[in-house]
Amino acid sequence: MNKRVIAVIGLGRFGTTVAKAVADLGHEVLAVDVDPDRVQKISPYVTHAVIADSTDEAALQSLSLNQFDAVVVAIGANKQANLMTAMLVEEQGVRRVIAKAQDELQGRLLEKIGVDTVIYPESDMAMRLAQMLTRRHVVDYLQLSAQAGLVEMETPEFLVGKTLKTSGLREKYRLIVAAIRHDENLIVAPDPDIPLAAEDKLIIIGRDDDIHRLENT
């Protein structure tokens, strides 16, 4: 495994979850927060945990963030600290900067600063939940673009017993089945000649309109 070195600044619920998840995958993680209690709590789970004010230029420079593969600015409610930290991180020449935004305006400001990727955890999760609550067969949903998504859905009744080759999903619906969840197993690039079972979950990539057509068939 190519071990990466990641810094996470801001140890609220989101930042803590990201830091622990990256560390669990076997990568080196530097966790940074101004709150000593948060730093102490995450210390057993990451490579290094540091108490620092990320809006203090000298404190941030002392972390040598330009040596990291990526820095995640996960500061939440304090928008000023979020933006200031992102700007200072960018000025260090970090290879990749990911920052959390609470709304579109904050996201646009982060993009103007030069952040590589802006994420909206709250709105993204709200969208996923809304899709799961209101769409037939949908188990999980991930918006990939304004028009396309990745959806995990129950196998529609009319497809049970058919194979991917005879299902018409690609030809009729213009959808790609990237994987099938069968029991506890995730089958990536599934065999197109194996019949679909009622308990299978299909992981499908396609345009939202085409996914809707399949759901409403």
N, C-alpha and C. Protein backbone atom coordinates (compact mmCIF):
# COMPACT_ATOMS: atom_id res chain seq x y z
N MET A 1 0.84 -1.19 0.00
CA MET A 1 0.00 0.00 0.00
C MET A 1 0.88 1.25 0.00
N ASN A 2 0.51 2.21 -0.81
CA ASN A 2 1.22 3.48 -0.85
C ASN A 2 0.71 4.36 0.29
N LYS A 3 1.48 4.42 1.38
CA LYS A 3 1.03 5.14 2.57
C LYS A 3 1.08 6.64 2.31
N ARG A 4 -0.02 7.32 2.63
CA ARG A 4 -0.11 8.76 2.45
C ARG A 4 -0.06 9.46 3.79
N VAL A 5 0.29 10.74 3.74
CA VAL A 5 0.40 11.56 4.94
C VAL A 5 -0.63 12.69 4.84
N ILE A 6 -1.60 12.67 5.74
CA ILE A 6 -2.74 13.58 5.67
C ILE A 6 -2.84 14.38 6.96
N ALA A 7 -3.16 15.67 6.83
CA ALA A 7 -3.43 16.50 8.00
C ALA A 7 -4.91 16.86 8.02
N VAL A 8 -5.50 16.80 9.19
CA VAL A 8 -6.90 17.19 9.37
C VAL A 8 -6.92 18.32 10.41
N ILE A 9 -7.42 19.48 9.99
CA ILE A 9 -7.46 20.65 10.87
C ILE A 9 -8.91 20.91 11.25
N GLY A 10 -9.19 20.84 12.55
CA GLY A 10 -10.56 20.99 13.03
C GLY A 10 -11.11 19.64 13.42
N LEU A 11 -11.28 19.42 14.71
CA LEU A 11 -11.66 18.10 15.21
C LEU A 11 -13.05 18.07 15.82
N GLY A 12 -13.99 18.65 15.08
CA GLY A 12 -15.39 18.45 15.42
C GLY A 12 -15.79 17.04 14.99
N ARG A 13 -17.09 16.79 14.90
CA ARG A 13 -17.54 15.44 14.53
C ARG A 13 -17.04 15.03 13.16
N PHE A 14 -17.11 15.95 12.20
CA PHE A 14 -16.68 15.61 10.84
C PHE A 14 -15.18 15.37 10.79
N GLY A 15 -14.40 16.33 11.31
CA GLY A 15 -12.95 16.19 11.26
C GLY A 15 -12.44 14.97 11.99
N THR A 16 -13.03 14.70 13.16
CA THR A 16 -12.64 13.52 13.93
C THR A 16 -12.94 12.24 13.16
N THR A 17 -14.10 12.18 12.54
CA THR A 17 -14.47 11.00 11.76
C THR A 17 -13.51 10.79 10.59
N VAL A 18 -13.17 11.86 9.88
CA VAL A 18 -12.24 11.76 8.75
C VAL A 18 -10.87 11.29 9.23
N ALA A 19 -10.37 11.92 10.30
CA ALA A 19 -9.03 11.56 10.80
C ALA A 19 -8.96 10.09 11.20
N LYS A 20 -9.96 9.63 11.94
CA LYS A 20 -9.96 8.24 12.37
C LYS A 20 -10.08 7.28 11.18
N ALA A 21 -10.93 7.63 10.22
CA ALA A 21 -11.13 6.76 9.06
C ALA A 21 -9.86 6.63 8.24
N VAL A 22 -9.16 7.74 8.03
CA VAL A 22 -7.90 7.70 7.25
C VAL A 22 -6.85 6.88 8.01
N ALA A 23 -6.78 7.09 9.32
CA ALA A 23 -5.82 6.32 10.12
C ALA A 23 -6.14 4.84 10.11
N ASP A 24 -7.43 4.50 10.18
CA ASP A 24 -7.85 3.09 10.15
C ASP A 24 -7.45 2.41 8.85
N LEU A 25 -7.33 3.20 7.79
CA LEU A 25 -6.93 2.65 6.49
C LEU A 25 -5.41 2.48 6.37
N GLY A 26 -4.70 2.82 7.44
CA GLY A 26 -3.27 2.56 7.48
C GLY A 26 -2.39 3.72 7.07
N HIS A 27 -2.95 4.92 6.98
CA HIS A 27 -2.17 6.09 6.57
C HIS A 27 -1.79 6.94 7.77
N GLU A 28 -0.79 7.80 7.59
CA GLU A 28 -0.34 8.68 8.67
C GLU A 28 -1.24 9.91 8.73
N VAL A 29 -1.64 10.27 9.94
CA VAL A 29 -2.57 11.40 10.12
C VAL A 29 -2.05 12.34 11.19
N LEU A 30 -2.01 13.62 10.83
CA LEU A 30 -1.77 14.68 11.80
C LEU A 30 -3.11 15.34 12.08
N ALA A 31 -3.55 15.32 13.33
CA ALA A 31 -4.82 15.93 13.72
C ALA A 31 -4.53 17.22 14.49
N VAL A 32 -5.20 18.31 14.09
CA VAL A 32 -4.90 19.63 14.66
C VAL A 32 -6.18 20.30 15.12
N ASP A 33 -6.14 20.87 16.34
CA ASP A 33 -7.28 21.64 16.83
C ASP A 33 -6.79 22.58 17.92
N VAL A 34 -7.51 23.67 18.11
CA VAL A 34 -7.16 24.63 19.16
C VAL A 34 -7.64 24.17 20.53
N ASP A 35 -8.56 23.19 20.55
CA ASP A 35 -9.15 22.70 21.79
C ASP A 35 -8.33 21.52 22.33
N PRO A 36 -7.70 21.67 23.50
CA PRO A 36 -6.86 20.59 24.05
C PRO A 36 -7.64 19.29 24.30
N ASP A 37 -8.91 19.40 24.71
CA ASP A 37 -9.70 18.20 24.98
C ASP A 37 -9.90 17.37 23.71
N ARG A 38 -10.21 18.04 22.61
CA ARG A 38 -10.39 17.33 21.34
C ARG A 38 -9.10 16.64 20.90
N VAL A 39 -8.00 17.35 21.06
CA VAL A 39 -6.70 16.79 20.67
C VAL A 39 -6.38 15.57 21.53
N GLN A 40 -6.63 15.68 22.82
CA GLN A 40 -6.36 14.55 23.72
C GLN A 40 -7.20 13.33 23.37
N LYS A 41 -8.48 13.55 23.04
CA LYS A 41 -9.38 12.44 22.74
C LYS A 41 -8.97 11.69 21.48
N ILE A 42 -8.46 12.41 20.49
CA ILE A 42 -8.14 11.73 19.22
C ILE A 42 -6.72 11.18 19.20
N SER A 43 -5.90 11.60 20.15
CA SER A 43 -4.49 11.24 20.15
C SER A 43 -4.22 9.73 20.02
N PRO A 44 -5.00 8.86 20.68
CA PRO A 44 -4.71 7.42 20.56
C PRO A 44 -4.99 6.84 19.17
N TYR A 45 -5.71 7.56 18.34
CA TYR A 45 -6.17 7.00 17.08
C TYR A 45 -5.36 7.46 15.86
N VAL A 46 -4.54 8.49 16.02
CA VAL A 46 -3.81 9.05 14.87
C VAL A 46 -2.32 9.04 15.12
N THR A 47 -1.55 9.36 14.09
CA THR A 47 -0.09 9.34 14.21
C THR A 47 0.41 10.45 15.13
N HIS A 48 -0.10 11.67 14.89
CA HIS A 48 0.27 12.81 15.71
C HIS A 48 -0.98 13.66 15.95
N ALA A 49 -1.09 14.26 17.13
CA ALA A 49 -2.18 15.17 17.45
C ALA A 49 -1.57 16.42 18.09
N VAL A 50 -1.94 17.58 17.56
CA VAL A 50 -1.28 18.82 17.96
C VAL A 50 -2.30 19.88 18.33
N ILE A 51 -2.03 20.59 19.42
CA ILE A 51 -2.84 21.75 19.79
C ILE A 51 -2.25 22.97 19.08
N ALA A 52 -3.04 23.59 18.22
CA ALA A 52 -2.55 24.77 17.51
C ALA A 52 -3.73 25.60 17.02
N ASP A 53 -3.52 26.91 16.99
CA ASP A 53 -4.50 27.83 16.41
C ASP A 53 -4.19 27.95 14.93
N SER A 54 -5.05 27.36 14.10
CA SER A 54 -4.76 27.31 12.67
C SER A 54 -4.90 28.66 11.97
N THR A 55 -5.42 29.67 12.68
CA THR A 55 -5.47 31.02 12.10
C THR A 55 -4.21 31.81 12.41
N ASP A 56 -3.30 31.22 13.18
CA ASP A 56 -2.01 31.83 13.51
C ASP A 56 -1.00 31.37 12.47
N GLU A 57 -0.53 32.28 11.65
CA GLU A 57 0.35 31.92 10.53
C GLU A 57 1.62 31.22 11.01
N ALA A 58 2.22 31.71 12.08
CA ALA A 58 3.46 31.10 12.57
C ALA A 58 3.20 29.69 13.08
N ALA A 59 2.08 29.50 13.78
CA ALA A 59 1.76 28.17 14.30
C ALA A 59 1.54 27.18 13.16
N LEU A 60 0.88 27.65 12.12
CA LEU A 60 0.59 26.77 10.98
C LEU A 60 1.86 26.44 10.21
N GLN A 61 2.74 27.43 10.05
CA GLN A 61 3.99 27.18 9.34
C GLN A 61 4.87 26.18 10.08
N SER A 62 4.78 26.15 11.40
CA SER A 62 5.59 25.22 12.18
C SER A 62 5.22 23.77 11.93
N LEU A 63 4.03 23.53 11.34
CA LEU A 63 3.58 22.16 11.07
C LEU A 63 4.12 21.61 9.75
N SER A 64 4.76 22.47 8.94
CA SER A 64 5.34 22.05 7.65
C SER A 64 4.33 21.30 6.79
N LEU A 65 3.16 21.90 6.61
CA LEU A 65 2.08 21.23 5.89
C LEU A 65 2.40 21.01 4.41
N ASN A 66 3.37 21.73 3.87
CA ASN A 66 3.72 21.54 2.46
C ASN A 66 4.36 20.19 2.20
N GLN A 67 4.68 19.46 3.27
CA GLN A 67 5.24 18.12 3.12
C GLN A 67 4.17 17.03 3.13
N PHE A 68 2.91 17.44 3.31
CA PHE A 68 1.82 16.48 3.38
C PHE A 68 1.21 16.25 2.00
N ASP A 69 0.62 15.06 1.82
CA ASP A 69 -0.05 14.76 0.56
C ASP A 69 -1.34 15.55 0.42
N ALA A 70 -2.02 15.79 1.54
CA ALA A 70 -3.26 16.55 1.50
C ALA A 70 -3.55 17.11 2.88
N VAL A 71 -4.27 18.23 2.89
CA VAL A 71 -4.72 18.84 4.14
C VAL A 71 -6.23 19.03 4.05
N VAL A 72 -6.94 18.57 5.08
CA VAL A 72 -8.38 18.73 5.15
C VAL A 72 -8.69 19.82 6.19
N VAL A 73 -9.31 20.91 5.72
CA VAL A 73 -9.76 21.96 6.63
C VAL A 73 -11.19 21.64 7.03
N ALA A 74 -11.35 21.07 8.22
CA ALA A 74 -12.66 20.55 8.65
C ALA A 74 -13.33 21.45 9.69
N ILE A 75 -12.86 22.68 9.80
CA ILE A 75 -13.45 23.62 10.76
C ILE A 75 -14.88 23.91 10.33
N GLY A 76 -15.82 23.83 11.29
CA GLY A 76 -17.24 23.93 10.94
C GLY A 76 -17.87 25.28 11.14
N ALA A 77 -18.40 25.56 12.31
CA ALA A 77 -19.25 26.73 12.52
C ALA A 77 -18.52 28.06 12.38
N ASN A 78 -17.25 28.11 12.72
CA ASN A 78 -16.49 29.35 12.66
C ASN A 78 -16.01 29.59 11.22
N LYS A 79 -16.84 30.28 10.43
CA LYS A 79 -16.52 30.47 9.02
C LYS A 79 -15.25 31.29 8.82
N GLN A 80 -15.05 32.29 9.68
CA GLN A 80 -13.85 33.11 9.56
C GLN A 80 -12.59 32.27 9.75
N ALA A 81 -12.61 31.42 10.77
CA ALA A 81 -11.46 30.54 11.00
C ALA A 81 -11.27 29.56 9.85
N ASN A 82 -12.38 29.07 9.31
CA ASN A 82 -12.34 28.15 8.18
C ASN A 82 -11.64 28.79 6.98
N LEU A 83 -12.07 30.00 6.64
CA LEU A 83 -11.51 30.69 5.47
C LEU A 83 -10.07 31.11 5.70
N MET A 84 -9.78 31.63 6.89
CA MET A 84 -8.41 32.05 7.19
C MET A 84 -7.45 30.86 7.15
N THR A 85 -7.88 29.76 7.74
CA THR A 85 -7.04 28.55 7.73
C THR A 85 -6.79 28.06 6.32
N ALA A 86 -7.85 28.02 5.51
CA ALA A 86 -7.70 27.56 4.13
C ALA A 86 -6.72 28.45 3.36
N MET A 87 -6.80 29.77 3.57
CA MET A 87 -5.90 30.69 2.89
C MET A 87 -4.45 30.46 3.31
N LEU A 88 -4.22 30.30 4.62
CA LEU A 88 -2.86 30.08 5.10
C LEU A 88 -2.30 28.74 4.64
N VAL A 89 -3.15 27.72 4.59
CA VAL A 89 -2.71 26.42 4.09
C VAL A 89 -2.33 26.52 2.62
N GLU A 90 -3.16 27.20 1.84
CA GLU A 90 -2.86 27.39 0.42
C GLU A 90 -1.53 28.10 0.22
N GLU A 91 -1.26 29.10 1.05
CA GLU A 91 -0.03 29.87 0.92
C GLU A 91 1.22 29.05 1.20
N GLN A 92 1.04 27.92 1.90
CA GLN A 92 2.18 27.04 2.17
C GLN A 92 2.50 26.14 0.98
N GLY A 93 1.65 26.16 -0.04
CA GLY A 93 1.92 25.34 -1.21
C GLY A 93 1.61 23.87 -1.02
N VAL A 94 0.58 23.58 -0.25
CA VAL A 94 0.17 22.19 -0.03
C VAL A 94 -0.32 21.58 -1.34
N ARG A 95 0.00 20.32 -1.57
CA ARG A 95 -0.34 19.67 -2.85
C ARG A 95 -1.84 19.64 -3.10
N ARG A 96 -2.61 19.28 -2.09
CA ARG A 96 -4.06 19.20 -2.26
C ARG A 96 -4.74 19.69 -0.99
N VAL A 97 -5.66 20.62 -1.15
CA VAL A 97 -6.39 21.17 -0.01
C VAL A 97 -7.88 20.88 -0.18
N ILE A 98 -8.48 20.25 0.81
CA ILE A 98 -9.92 19.96 0.83
C ILE A 98 -10.50 20.74 2.01
N ALA A 99 -11.60 21.44 1.78
CA ALA A 99 -12.18 22.23 2.85
C ALA A 99 -13.68 22.00 2.95
N LYS A 100 -14.17 22.02 4.17
CA LYS A 100 -15.59 21.88 4.45
C LYS A 100 -16.27 23.24 4.36
N ALA A 101 -17.45 23.27 3.74
CA ALA A 101 -18.24 24.49 3.67
C ALA A 101 -19.65 24.20 4.16
N GLN A 102 -20.25 25.20 4.79
CA GLN A 102 -21.61 25.04 5.28
C GLN A 102 -22.66 25.53 4.30
N ASP A 103 -22.26 26.40 3.38
CA ASP A 103 -23.22 26.93 2.41
C ASP A 103 -22.48 27.30 1.13
N GLU A 104 -23.26 27.65 0.10
CA GLU A 104 -22.70 27.92 -1.22
C GLU A 104 -21.77 29.12 -1.22
N LEU A 105 -22.12 30.18 -0.49
CA LEU A 105 -21.27 31.37 -0.44
C LEU A 105 -19.90 31.04 0.14
N GLN A 106 -19.89 30.33 1.24
CA GLN A 106 -18.62 29.92 1.84
C GLN A 106 -17.84 29.05 0.86
N GLY A 107 -18.54 28.18 0.16
CA GLY A 107 -17.88 27.33 -0.83
C GLY A 107 -17.23 28.14 -1.94
N ARG A 108 -17.94 29.17 -2.42
CA ARG A 108 -17.38 30.01 -3.49
C ARG A 108 -16.14 30.76 -3.01
N LEU A 109 -16.19 31.23 -1.78
CA LEU A 109 -15.02 31.92 -1.22
C LEU A 109 -13.83 30.98 -1.10
N LEU A 110 -14.08 29.75 -0.67
CA LEU A 110 -13.01 28.77 -0.58
C LEU A 110 -12.41 28.48 -1.95
N GLU A 111 -13.25 28.39 -2.95
CA GLU A 111 -12.76 28.15 -4.31
C GLU A 111 -11.90 29.32 -4.79
N LYS A 112 -12.30 30.55 -4.47
CA LYS A 112 -11.52 31.73 -4.86
C LYS A 112 -10.16 31.75 -4.16
N ILE A 113 -10.13 31.25 -2.93
CA ILE A 113 -8.86 31.16 -2.21
C ILE A 113 -7.91 30.19 -2.91
N GLY A 114 -8.49 29.19 -3.60
CA GLY A 114 -7.68 28.21 -4.32
C GLY A 114 -7.81 26.79 -3.81
N VAL A 115 -8.79 26.55 -2.92
CA VAL A 115 -9.01 25.19 -2.41
C VAL A 115 -9.33 24.24 -3.56
N ASP A 116 -8.72 23.07 -3.55
CA ASP A 116 -8.89 22.12 -4.65
C ASP A 116 -10.28 21.49 -4.65
N THR A 117 -10.76 21.10 -3.47
CA THR A 117 -12.05 20.43 -3.37
C THR A 117 -12.83 21.01 -2.20
N VAL A 118 -14.07 21.45 -2.47
CA VAL A 118 -14.96 21.95 -1.42
C VAL A 118 -16.05 20.90 -1.20
N ILE A 119 -16.28 20.54 0.05
CA ILE A 119 -17.30 19.54 0.35
C ILE A 119 -18.35 20.15 1.26
N TYR A 120 -19.57 19.62 1.13
CA TYR A 120 -20.72 20.10 1.89
C TYR A 120 -21.34 18.92 2.64
N PRO A 121 -20.74 18.48 3.75
CA PRO A 121 -21.21 17.25 4.41
C PRO A 121 -22.68 17.28 4.80
N GLU A 122 -23.14 18.39 5.37
CA GLU A 122 -24.53 18.44 5.84
C GLU A 122 -25.52 18.36 4.69
N SER A 123 -25.31 19.19 3.66
CA SER A 123 -26.25 19.20 2.54
C SER A 123 -26.17 17.91 1.74
N ASP A 124 -24.96 17.34 1.62
CA ASP A 124 -24.82 16.07 0.90
C ASP A 124 -25.57 14.95 1.61
N MET A 125 -25.46 14.90 2.94
CA MET A 125 -26.15 13.86 3.69
C MET A 125 -27.67 14.08 3.64
N ALA A 126 -28.08 15.35 3.69
CA ALA A 126 -29.51 15.64 3.60
C ALA A 126 -30.07 15.18 2.25
N MET A 127 -29.32 15.41 1.18
CA MET A 127 -29.75 14.97 -0.15
C MET A 127 -29.84 13.45 -0.20
N ARG A 128 -28.85 12.76 0.35
CA ARG A 128 -28.87 11.29 0.33
C ARG A 128 -30.09 10.77 1.09
N LEU A 129 -30.36 11.36 2.26
CA LEU A 129 -31.49 10.91 3.05
C LEU A 129 -32.81 11.17 2.34
N ALA A 130 -32.93 12.36 1.71
CA ALA A 130 -34.15 12.68 0.98
C ALA A 130 -34.40 11.70 -0.15
N GLN A 131 -33.32 11.33 -0.86
CA GLN A 131 -33.45 10.37 -1.96
C GLN A 131 -33.89 9.00 -1.42
N MET A 132 -33.30 8.59 -0.30
CA MET A 132 -33.64 7.29 0.27
C MET A 132 -35.08 7.24 0.76
N LEU A 133 -35.58 8.37 1.26
CA LEU A 133 -36.93 8.41 1.81
C LEU A 133 -38.02 8.48 0.74
N THR A 134 -37.68 9.03 -0.42
CA THR A 134 -38.72 9.35 -1.40
C THR A 134 -38.67 8.53 -2.68
N ARG A 135 -37.63 7.72 -2.88
CA ARG A 135 -37.51 7.00 -4.14
C ARG A 135 -37.70 5.50 -3.92
N ARG A 136 -38.42 4.87 -4.84
CA ARG A 136 -38.68 3.45 -4.75
C ARG A 136 -37.38 2.65 -4.87
N HIS A 137 -37.26 1.62 -4.06
CA HIS A 137 -36.16 0.65 -4.11
C HIS A 137 -34.82 1.21 -3.63
N VAL A 138 -34.69 2.54 -3.44
CA VAL A 138 -33.38 3.13 -3.18
C VAL A 138 -32.92 2.82 -1.76
N VAL A 139 -31.70 2.28 -1.65
CA VAL A 139 -31.07 1.98 -0.36
C VAL A 139 -30.09 3.09 0.00
N ASP A 140 -29.36 3.59 -0.99
CA ASP A 140 -28.40 4.68 -0.77
C ASP A 140 -28.22 5.43 -2.09
N TYR A 141 -27.79 6.69 -1.98
CA TYR A 141 -27.68 7.53 -3.16
C TYR A 141 -26.50 8.48 -3.00
N LEU A 142 -25.74 8.68 -4.08
CA LEU A 142 -24.64 9.63 -4.09
C LEU A 142 -24.73 10.45 -5.36
N GLN A 143 -24.86 11.77 -5.20
CA GLN A 143 -24.93 12.67 -6.35
C GLN A 143 -23.53 12.84 -6.92
N LEU A 144 -23.35 12.50 -8.19
CA LEU A 144 -22.05 12.62 -8.84
C LEU A 144 -21.91 13.94 -9.59
N SER A 145 -23.02 14.45 -10.10
CA SER A 145 -23.04 15.73 -10.81
C SER A 145 -24.46 16.24 -10.77
N ALA A 146 -24.71 17.34 -11.47
CA ALA A 146 -26.06 17.91 -11.48
C ALA A 146 -27.06 16.97 -12.14
N GLN A 147 -26.59 16.11 -13.05
CA GLN A 147 -27.50 15.23 -13.78
C GLN A 147 -27.32 13.75 -13.50
N ALA A 148 -26.25 13.38 -12.82
CA ALA A 148 -25.95 11.95 -12.68
C ALA A 148 -25.72 11.58 -11.22
N GLY A 149 -25.93 10.29 -10.94
CA GLY A 149 -25.73 9.81 -9.58
C GLY A 149 -25.33 8.36 -9.55
N LEU A 150 -24.93 7.92 -8.37
CA LEU A 150 -24.66 6.51 -8.11
C LEU A 150 -25.66 6.07 -7.07
N VAL A 151 -26.42 5.04 -7.37
CA VAL A 151 -27.50 4.62 -6.49
C VAL A 151 -27.35 3.13 -6.17
N GLU A 152 -27.60 2.80 -4.90
CA GLU A 152 -27.71 1.40 -4.51
C GLU A 152 -29.19 1.12 -4.32
N MET A 153 -29.71 0.16 -5.07
CA MET A 153 -31.15 -0.07 -5.04
C MET A 153 -31.46 -1.56 -5.02
N GLU A 154 -32.62 -1.87 -4.49
CA GLU A 154 -33.10 -3.24 -4.53
C GLU A 154 -33.34 -3.64 -5.98
N THR A 155 -33.18 -4.91 -6.27
CA THR A 155 -33.43 -5.39 -7.62
C THR A 155 -34.93 -5.31 -7.92
N PRO A 156 -35.33 -4.53 -8.94
CA PRO A 156 -36.75 -4.47 -9.30
C PRO A 156 -37.29 -5.87 -9.61
N GLU A 157 -38.54 -6.08 -9.29
CA GLU A 157 -39.14 -7.42 -9.42
C GLU A 157 -39.03 -7.96 -10.84
N PHE A 158 -39.18 -7.08 -11.83
CA PHE A 158 -39.18 -7.57 -13.21
C PHE A 158 -37.79 -8.00 -13.69
N LEU A 159 -36.74 -7.69 -12.90
CA LEU A 159 -35.39 -8.11 -13.27
C LEU A 159 -34.94 -9.39 -12.58
N VAL A 160 -35.69 -9.83 -11.58
CA VAL A 160 -35.31 -11.04 -10.84
C VAL A 160 -35.31 -12.24 -11.79
N GLY A 161 -34.21 -12.98 -11.80
CA GLY A 161 -34.07 -14.14 -12.68
C GLY A 161 -33.40 -13.82 -13.99
N LYS A 162 -33.35 -12.53 -14.36
CA LYS A 162 -32.66 -12.14 -15.58
C LYS A 162 -31.18 -11.92 -15.29
N THR A 163 -30.37 -11.98 -16.33
CA THR A 163 -28.95 -11.65 -16.20
C THR A 163 -28.75 -10.19 -16.59
N LEU A 164 -27.59 -9.65 -16.27
CA LEU A 164 -27.31 -8.28 -16.70
C LEU A 164 -27.33 -8.18 -18.22
N LYS A 165 -26.90 -9.25 -18.87
CA LYS A 165 -26.85 -9.24 -20.34
C LYS A 165 -28.25 -9.15 -20.94
N THR A 166 -29.23 -9.79 -20.28
CA THR A 166 -30.60 -9.80 -20.83
C THR A 166 -31.52 -8.79 -20.15
N SER A 167 -30.98 -8.03 -19.20
CA SER A 167 -31.82 -7.12 -18.42
C SER A 167 -32.24 -5.87 -19.19
N GLY A 168 -31.44 -5.48 -20.17
CA GLY A 168 -31.73 -4.25 -20.92
C GLY A 168 -31.33 -2.99 -20.18
N LEU A 169 -30.63 -3.14 -19.06
CA LEU A 169 -30.26 -1.95 -18.28
C LEU A 169 -29.37 -1.00 -19.06
N ARG A 170 -28.42 -1.53 -19.80
CA ARG A 170 -27.52 -0.67 -20.56
C ARG A 170 -28.19 -0.17 -21.84
N GLU A 171 -28.87 -1.09 -22.55
CA GLU A 171 -29.44 -0.72 -23.85
C GLU A 171 -30.70 0.14 -23.70
N LYS A 172 -31.61 -0.26 -22.84
CA LYS A 172 -32.89 0.42 -22.72
C LYS A 172 -32.84 1.62 -21.78
N TYR A 173 -32.09 1.46 -20.67
CA TYR A 173 -32.08 2.51 -19.64
C TYR A 173 -30.79 3.32 -19.61
N ARG A 174 -29.78 2.89 -20.36
CA ARG A 174 -28.48 3.59 -20.41
C ARG A 174 -27.83 3.66 -19.03
N LEU A 175 -27.94 2.58 -18.28
CA LEU A 175 -27.39 2.50 -16.93
C LEU A 175 -26.29 1.45 -16.86
N ILE A 176 -25.32 1.69 -16.00
CA ILE A 176 -24.21 0.76 -15.81
C ILE A 176 -24.28 0.19 -14.40
N VAL A 177 -24.28 -1.15 -14.29
CA VAL A 177 -24.23 -1.81 -12.99
C VAL A 177 -22.76 -1.99 -12.64
N ALA A 178 -22.28 -1.16 -11.70
CA ALA A 178 -20.87 -1.21 -11.32
C ALA A 178 -20.57 -2.36 -10.36
N ALA A 179 -21.58 -2.74 -9.56
CA ALA A 179 -21.38 -3.81 -8.59
C ALA A 179 -22.73 -4.35 -8.14
N ILE A 180 -22.70 -5.52 -7.54
CA ILE A 180 -23.90 -6.13 -6.95
C ILE A 180 -23.57 -6.52 -5.52
N ARG A 181 -24.44 -6.12 -4.59
CA ARG A 181 -24.27 -6.54 -3.21
C ARG A 181 -25.14 -7.78 -2.99
N HIS A 182 -24.48 -8.91 -2.79
CA HIS A 182 -25.17 -10.19 -2.61
C HIS A 182 -24.86 -10.70 -1.21
N ASP A 183 -25.88 -10.76 -0.35
CA ASP A 183 -25.67 -11.08 1.07
C ASP A 183 -24.67 -10.05 1.64
N GLU A 184 -23.55 -10.52 2.17
CA GLU A 184 -22.55 -9.61 2.74
C GLU A 184 -21.42 -9.34 1.76
N ASN A 185 -21.53 -9.87 0.56
CA ASN A 185 -20.44 -9.74 -0.41
C ASN A 185 -20.74 -8.65 -1.43
N LEU A 186 -19.71 -7.87 -1.76
CA LEU A 186 -19.83 -6.87 -2.81
C LEU A 186 -19.09 -7.40 -4.03
N ILE A 187 -19.83 -7.65 -5.10
CA ILE A 187 -19.26 -8.19 -6.33
C ILE A 187 -19.04 -7.05 -7.31
N VAL A 188 -17.79 -6.67 -7.51
CA VAL A 188 -17.44 -5.58 -8.42
C VAL A 188 -17.27 -6.15 -9.83
N ALA A 189 -17.71 -5.38 -10.85
CA ALA A 189 -17.68 -5.84 -12.23
C ALA A 189 -18.32 -7.23 -12.33
N PRO A 190 -19.60 -7.35 -11.98
CA PRO A 190 -20.26 -8.67 -11.89
C PRO A 190 -20.34 -9.38 -13.24
N ASP A 191 -20.38 -10.70 -13.17
CA ASP A 191 -20.52 -11.54 -14.36
C ASP A 191 -21.86 -11.23 -15.02
N PRO A 192 -21.88 -10.83 -16.29
CA PRO A 192 -23.13 -10.47 -16.96
C PRO A 192 -24.05 -11.65 -17.24
N ASP A 193 -23.57 -12.88 -17.00
CA ASP A 193 -24.38 -14.06 -17.30
C ASP A 193 -24.99 -14.72 -16.06
N ILE A 194 -24.76 -14.12 -14.88
CA ILE A 194 -25.33 -14.69 -13.65
C ILE A 194 -26.69 -14.07 -13.38
N PRO A 195 -27.73 -14.88 -13.14
CA PRO A 195 -29.08 -14.35 -12.89
C PRO A 195 -29.14 -13.49 -11.63
N LEU A 196 -29.94 -12.45 -11.67
CA LEU A 196 -30.13 -11.58 -10.51
C LEU A 196 -31.12 -12.20 -9.54
N ALA A 197 -30.82 -12.07 -8.25
CA ALA A 197 -31.69 -12.62 -7.21
C ALA A 197 -32.50 -11.49 -6.57
N ALA A 198 -33.62 -11.84 -5.98
CA ALA A 198 -34.50 -10.84 -5.38
C ALA A 198 -33.81 -10.08 -4.25
N GLU A 199 -32.90 -10.76 -3.54
CA GLU A 199 -32.23 -10.12 -2.41
C GLU A 199 -31.01 -9.30 -2.82
N ASP A 200 -30.64 -9.33 -4.10
CA ASP A 200 -29.48 -8.56 -4.56
C ASP A 200 -29.76 -7.07 -4.51
N LYS A 201 -28.70 -6.31 -4.21
CA LYS A 201 -28.74 -4.86 -4.32
C LYS A 201 -27.86 -4.45 -5.49
N LEU A 202 -28.40 -3.66 -6.39
CA LEU A 202 -27.66 -3.21 -7.57
C LEU A 202 -27.04 -1.85 -7.30
N ILE A 203 -25.76 -1.71 -7.61
CA ILE A 203 -25.09 -0.41 -7.48
C ILE A 203 -24.92 0.12 -8.90
N ILE A 204 -25.68 1.15 -9.20
CA ILE A 204 -25.86 1.61 -10.58
C ILE A 204 -25.35 3.04 -10.74
N ILE A 205 -24.69 3.30 -11.87
CA ILE A 205 -24.26 4.65 -12.24
C ILE A 205 -25.04 5.07 -13.47
N GLY A 206 -25.56 6.30 -13.45
CA GLY A 206 -26.27 6.79 -14.63
C GLY A 206 -26.89 8.15 -14.39
N ARG A 207 -27.56 8.63 -15.40
CA ARG A 207 -28.26 9.90 -15.29
C ARG A 207 -29.49 9.73 -14.39
N ASP A 208 -29.80 10.77 -13.63
CA ASP A 208 -30.94 10.69 -12.71
C ASP A 208 -32.24 10.34 -13.45
N ASP A 209 -32.44 10.92 -14.63
CA ASP A 209 -33.66 10.65 -15.39
C ASP A 209 -33.78 9.17 -15.74
N ASP A 210 -32.65 8.57 -16.11
CA ASP A 210 -32.67 7.15 -16.48
C ASP A 210 -32.89 6.26 -15.24
N ILE A 211 -32.30 6.66 -14.12
CA ILE A 211 -32.53 5.90 -12.88
C ILE A 211 -33.99 5.98 -12.49
N HIS A 212 -34.59 7.15 -12.63
CA HIS A 212 -36.02 7.31 -12.32
C HIS A 212 -36.87 6.42 -13.23
N ARG A 213 -36.50 6.33 -14.50
CA ARG A 213 -37.27 5.49 -15.43
C ARG A 213 -37.24 4.04 -14.98
N LEU A 214 -36.06 3.57 -14.53
CA LEU A 214 -35.95 2.20 -14.06
C LEU A 214 -36.81 1.99 -12.81
N GLU A 215 -36.76 2.94 -11.88
CA GLU A 215 -37.53 2.80 -10.65
C GLU A 215 -39.03 2.74 -10.90
N ASN A 216 -39.48 3.44 -11.92
CA ASN A 216 -40.91 3.56 -12.17
C ASN A 216 -41.42 2.56 -13.20
N THR A 217 -40.56 1.64 -13.62
CA THR A 217 -40.99 0.63 -14.58
C THR A 217 -41.89 -0.40 -13.90
